[in-house]
Amino acid sequence: MQMTVFHDGSYWVAVLEEAWNGRLKAARHLFGKEPSDAEMMDFVLHHMNALFARVTRHTDASDAALPRRSPKRLAREAAAELKRQGASTRAQEALKLELEHRKQERRIISRAQREALKERKRELARMKAKARHRGR
């Protein structure tokens, strides 16, 4: 599991990545202002698991076997990783899949609510027409 916290220009964002059995799940959390160490610890202990529980989509995270690298190269890559801001491209892909999934669910729910409202208005109009016909 990896958590990356960065400033995206206006907000502090945490991107969480979890690789499990060749699958990568990612979630994003907006902190707003710069989080303190206590806020980060509270988030990790109390809110991070709930955030991952809501994630339903994942992407493939299997890597080909990495060749053995020299310690100096590994140190340079680690330094570059520390300088890098933002989330990995796989995490972005997983976030995108989750966003599309939630958008489709929202569309289905909205459509059902619209249809129910139309049906209710139709029923009220029928009842009014019957009442007028009966002279009430």
C-alpha atoms as a PDB file:
ATOM      1  CA  MET A   1       0.000   0.000   0.000  1.00  0.00           C
ATOM      2  CA  GLN A   2       1.248   3.477  -0.838  1.00  0.00           C
ATOM      3  CA  MET A   3      -0.049   6.919   0.114  1.00  0.00           C
ATOM      4  CA  THR A   4       1.078   9.997  -1.790  1.00  0.00           C
ATOM      5  CA  VAL A   5       0.237  13.461  -0.455  1.00  0.00           C
ATOM      6  CA  PHE A   6       0.759  16.442  -2.761  1.00  0.00           C
ATOM      7  CA  HIS A   7      -0.460  19.961  -3.421  1.00  0.00           C
ATOM      8  CA  ASP A   8      -2.324  20.172  -6.727  1.00  0.00           C
ATOM      9  CA  GLY A   9      -2.284  23.951  -6.947  1.00  0.00           C
ATOM     10  CA  SER A  10      -5.252  24.710  -4.726  1.00  0.00           C
ATOM     11  CA  TYR A  11      -5.763  21.723  -2.400  1.00  0.00           C
ATOM     12  CA  TRP A  12      -3.733  19.090  -0.574  1.00  0.00           C
ATOM     13  CA  VAL A  13      -4.624  15.679  -1.972  1.00  0.00           C
ATOM     14  CA  ALA A  14      -3.853  12.168  -0.753  1.00  0.00           C
ATOM     15  CA  VAL A  15      -3.841   9.374  -3.331  1.00  0.00           C
ATOM     16  CA  LEU A  16      -3.933   5.885  -1.853  1.00  0.00           C
ATOM     17  CA  GLU A  17      -2.833   2.883  -3.889  1.00  0.00           C
ATOM     18  CA  GLU A  18      -3.246  -0.721  -2.831  1.00  0.00           C
ATOM     19  CA  ALA A  19      -1.854  -3.579  -4.884  1.00  0.00           C
ATOM     20  CA  TRP A  20      -3.250  -6.997  -4.065  1.00  0.00           C
ATOM     21  CA  ASN A  21      -3.102 -10.200  -6.138  1.00  0.00           C
ATOM     22  CA  GLY A  22      -2.038  -8.337  -9.278  1.00  0.00           C
ATOM     23  CA  ARG A  23      -4.822  -5.763  -8.957  1.00  0.00           C
ATOM     24  CA  LEU A  24      -4.444  -2.110  -8.071  1.00  0.00           C
ATOM     25  CA  LYS A  25      -7.156  -0.161  -6.267  1.00  0.00           C
ATOM     26  CA  ALA A  26      -6.801   3.592  -5.846  1.00  0.00           C
ATOM     27  CA  ALA A  27      -8.691   6.204  -3.881  1.00  0.00           C
ATOM     28  CA  ARG A  28      -8.357   9.952  -3.523  1.00  0.00           C
ATOM     29  CA  HIS A  29      -8.988  12.140  -0.489  1.00  0.00           C
ATOM     30  CA  LEU A  30      -9.007  15.952  -0.430  1.00  0.00           C
ATOM     31  CA  PHE A  31      -7.569  17.511   2.695  1.00  0.00           C
ATOM     32  CA  GLY A  32      -8.096  21.145   1.697  1.00  0.00           C
ATOM     33  CA  LYS A  33      -5.507  23.013   3.745  1.00  0.00           C
ATOM     34  CA  GLU A  34      -2.131  21.483   4.514  1.00  0.00           C
ATOM     35  CA  PRO A  35      -2.710  18.557   6.896  1.00  0.00           C
ATOM     36  CA  SER A  36      -0.781  18.352  10.136  1.00  0.00           C
ATOM     37  CA  ASP A  37       0.888  15.158  11.308  1.00  0.00           C
ATOM     38  CA  ALA A  38      -1.980  14.549  13.753  1.00  0.00           C
ATOM     39  CA  GLU A  39      -4.560  14.916  10.969  1.00  0.00           C
ATOM     40  CA  MET A  40      -2.611  12.512   8.763  1.00  0.00           C
ATOM     41  CA  MET A  41      -2.388   9.940  11.567  1.00  0.00           C
ATOM     42  CA  ASP A  42      -6.119  10.305  12.295  1.00  0.00           C
ATOM     43  CA  PHE A  43      -6.905   9.824   8.603  1.00  0.00           C
ATOM     44  CA  VAL A  44      -4.722   6.711   8.365  1.00  0.00           C
ATOM     45  CA  LEU A  45      -6.118   5.159  11.536  1.00  0.00           C
ATOM     46  CA  HIS A  46      -9.822   5.983  11.181  1.00  0.00           C
ATOM     47  CA  HIS A  47     -10.809   6.980   7.643  1.00  0.00           C
ATOM     48  CA  MET A  48      -8.496   5.212   5.205  1.00  0.00           C
ATOM     49  CA  ASN A  49     -10.131   1.768   5.487  1.00  0.00           C
ATOM     50  CA  ALA A  50     -13.609   3.234   4.959  1.00  0.00           C
ATOM     51  CA  LEU A  51     -12.327   5.017   1.855  1.00  0.00           C
ATOM     52  CA  PHE A  52     -10.955   1.766   0.402  1.00  0.00           C
ATOM     53  CA  ALA A  53     -14.162  -0.083   1.307  1.00  0.00           C
ATOM     54  CA  ARG A  54     -16.097   2.174  -1.098  1.00  0.00           C
ATOM     55  CA  VAL A  55     -13.771   1.457  -4.036  1.00  0.00           C
ATOM     56  CA  THR A  56     -15.269  -1.160  -6.336  1.00  0.00           C
ATOM     57  CA  ARG A  57     -13.120  -0.926  -9.483  1.00  0.00           C
ATOM     58  CA  HIS A  58      -9.500  -1.911  -9.954  1.00  0.00           C
ATOM     59  CA  THR A  59      -6.897  -2.121 -12.685  1.00  0.00           C
ATOM     60  CA  ASP A  60      -4.220  -4.650 -13.550  1.00  0.00           C
ATOM     61  CA  ALA A  61      -1.044  -4.049 -11.533  1.00  0.00           C
ATOM     62  CA  SER A  62       1.114  -6.953 -12.560  1.00  0.00           C
ATOM     63  CA  ASP A  63       4.602  -5.954 -13.617  1.00  0.00           C
ATOM     64  CA  ALA A  64       7.018  -7.947 -15.661  1.00  0.00           C
ATOM     65  CA  ALA A  65       9.964  -9.195 -13.670  1.00  0.00           C
ATOM     66  CA  LEU A  66      12.224  -6.236 -13.037  1.00  0.00           C
ATOM     67  CA  PRO A  67      15.885  -6.708 -13.888  1.00  0.00           C
ATOM     68  CA  ARG A  68      18.405  -6.448 -11.088  1.00  0.00           C
ATOM     69  CA  ARG A  69      19.650  -2.868 -10.699  1.00  0.00           C
ATOM     70  CA  SER A  70      22.737  -1.416  -9.161  1.00  0.00           C
ATOM     71  CA  PRO A  71      22.438   0.230  -5.727  1.00  0.00           C
ATOM     72  CA  LYS A  72      23.401   3.613  -7.149  1.00  0.00           C
ATOM     73  CA  ARG A  73      20.621   3.439  -9.732  1.00  0.00           C
ATOM     74  CA  LEU A  74      18.149   2.419  -7.025  1.00  0.00           C
ATOM     75  CA  ALA A  75      19.250   5.397  -4.905  1.00  0.00           C
ATOM     76  CA  ARG A  76      18.759   7.758  -7.868  1.00  0.00           C
ATOM     77  CA  GLU A  77      15.306   6.308  -8.561  1.00  0.00           C
ATOM     78  CA  ALA A  78      14.355   6.659  -4.901  1.00  0.00           C
ATOM     79  CA  ALA A  79      15.431  10.311  -4.936  1.00  0.00           C
ATOM     80  CA  ALA A  80      13.450  10.921  -8.128  1.00  0.00           C
ATOM     81  CA  GLU A  81      10.423   9.220  -6.568  1.00  0.00           C
ATOM     82  CA  LEU A  82      10.616  11.554  -3.593  1.00  0.00           C
ATOM     83  CA  LYS A  83      10.701  14.581  -5.906  1.00  0.00           C
ATOM     84  CA  ARG A  84       7.853  13.308  -8.053  1.00  0.00           C
ATOM     85  CA  GLN A  85       4.455  14.753  -7.265  1.00  0.00           C
ATOM     86  CA  GLY A  86       1.101  13.184  -7.911  1.00  0.00           C
ATOM     87  CA  ALA A  87      -0.114   9.685  -8.388  1.00  0.00           C
ATOM     88  CA  SER A  88       1.077   6.926 -10.659  1.00  0.00           C
ATOM     89  CA  THR A  89      -0.592   6.402 -13.999  1.00  0.00           C
ATOM     90  CA  ARG A  90      -2.067   3.112 -12.803  1.00  0.00           C
ATOM     91  CA  ALA A  91      -3.598   4.867  -9.803  1.00  0.00           C
ATOM     92  CA  GLN A  92      -5.044   7.490 -12.133  1.00  0.00           C
ATOM     93  CA  GLU A  93      -6.535   4.725 -14.261  1.00  0.00           C
ATOM     94  CA  ALA A  94      -8.078   3.038 -11.217  1.00  0.00           C
ATOM     95  CA  LEU A  95      -9.505   6.372 -10.013  1.00  0.00           C
ATOM     96  CA  LYS A  96     -10.942   6.992 -13.473  1.00  0.00           C
ATOM     97  CA  LEU A  97     -12.643   3.573 -13.533  1.00  0.00           C
ATOM     98  CA  GLU A  98     -14.145   4.182 -10.092  1.00  0.00           C
ATOM     99  CA  LEU A  99     -15.386   7.627 -11.129  1.00  0.00           C
ATOM    100  CA  GLU A 100     -17.043   6.242 -14.272  1.00  0.00           C
ATOM    101  CA  HIS A 101     -18.682   3.466 -12.235  1.00  0.00           C
ATOM    102  CA  ARG A 102     -20.128   5.947  -9.720  1.00  0.00           C
ATOM    103  CA  LYS A 103     -21.298   8.211 -12.546  1.00  0.00           C
ATOM    104  CA  GLN A 104     -23.225   5.321 -14.145  1.00  0.00           C
ATOM    105  CA  GLU A 105     -24.816   4.418 -10.803  1.00  0.00           C
ATOM    106  CA  ARG A 106     -25.827   8.046 -10.279  1.00  0.00           C
ATOM    107  CA  ARG A 107     -27.390   8.172 -13.772  1.00  0.00           C
ATOM    108  CA  ILE A 108     -29.442   5.047 -13.093  1.00  0.00           C
ATOM    109  CA  ILE A 109     -30.711   6.389  -9.770  1.00  0.00           C
ATOM    110  CA  SER A 110     -31.511   9.812 -11.256  1.00  0.00           C
ATOM    111  CA  ARG A 111     -33.412   8.244 -14.142  1.00  0.00           C
ATOM    112  CA  ALA A 112     -35.468   6.111 -11.752  1.00  0.00           C
ATOM    113  CA  GLN A 113     -36.286   9.157  -9.619  1.00  0.00           C
ATOM    114  CA  ARG A 114     -37.344  11.166 -12.685  1.00  0.00           C
ATOM    115  CA  GLU A 115     -39.599   8.335 -13.872  1.00  0.00           C
ATOM    116  CA  ALA A 116     -41.165   7.984 -10.419  1.00  0.00           C
ATOM    117  CA  LEU A 117     -41.859  11.733 -10.309  1.00  0.00           C
ATOM    118  CA  LYS A 118     -43.441  11.653 -13.778  1.00  0.00           C
ATOM    119  CA  GLU A 119     -45.603   8.684 -12.795  1.00  0.00           C
ATOM    120  CA  ARG A 120     -46.711  10.440  -9.601  1.00  0.00           C
ATOM    121  CA  LYS A 121     -47.656  13.602 -11.553  1.00  0.00           C
ATOM    122  CA  ARG A 122     -49.583  11.483 -14.072  1.00  0.00           C
ATOM    123  CA  GLU A 123     -51.459   9.745 -11.260  1.00  0.00           C
ATOM    124  CA  LEU A 124     -52.324  13.085  -9.610  1.00  0.00           C
ATOM    125  CA  ALA A 125     -53.614  14.410 -12.946  1.00  0.00           C
ATOM    126  CA  ARG A 126     -55.800  11.296 -13.360  1.00  0.00           C
ATOM    127  CA  MET A 127     -57.187  11.685  -9.849  1.00  0.00           C
ATOM    128  CA  LYS A 128     -57.975  15.389 -10.478  1.00  0.00           C
ATOM    129  CA  ALA A 129     -59.718  14.518 -13.747  1.00  0.00           C
ATOM    130  CA  LYS A 130     -61.842  11.878 -12.005  1.00  0.00           C
ATOM    131  CA  ALA A 131     -62.702  14.315  -9.231  1.00  0.00           C
ATOM    132  CA  ARG A 132     -63.771  16.980 -11.774  1.00  0.00           C
ATOM    133  CA  HIS A 133     -65.812  14.391 -13.649  1.00  0.00           C
ATOM    134  CA  ARG A 134     -67.623  13.438 -10.421  1.00  0.00           C
ATOM    135  CA  GLY A 135     -68.274  17.086  -9.658  1.00  0.00           C
ATOM    136  CA  ARG A 136     -66.086  17.479  -6.592  1.00  0.00           C
END
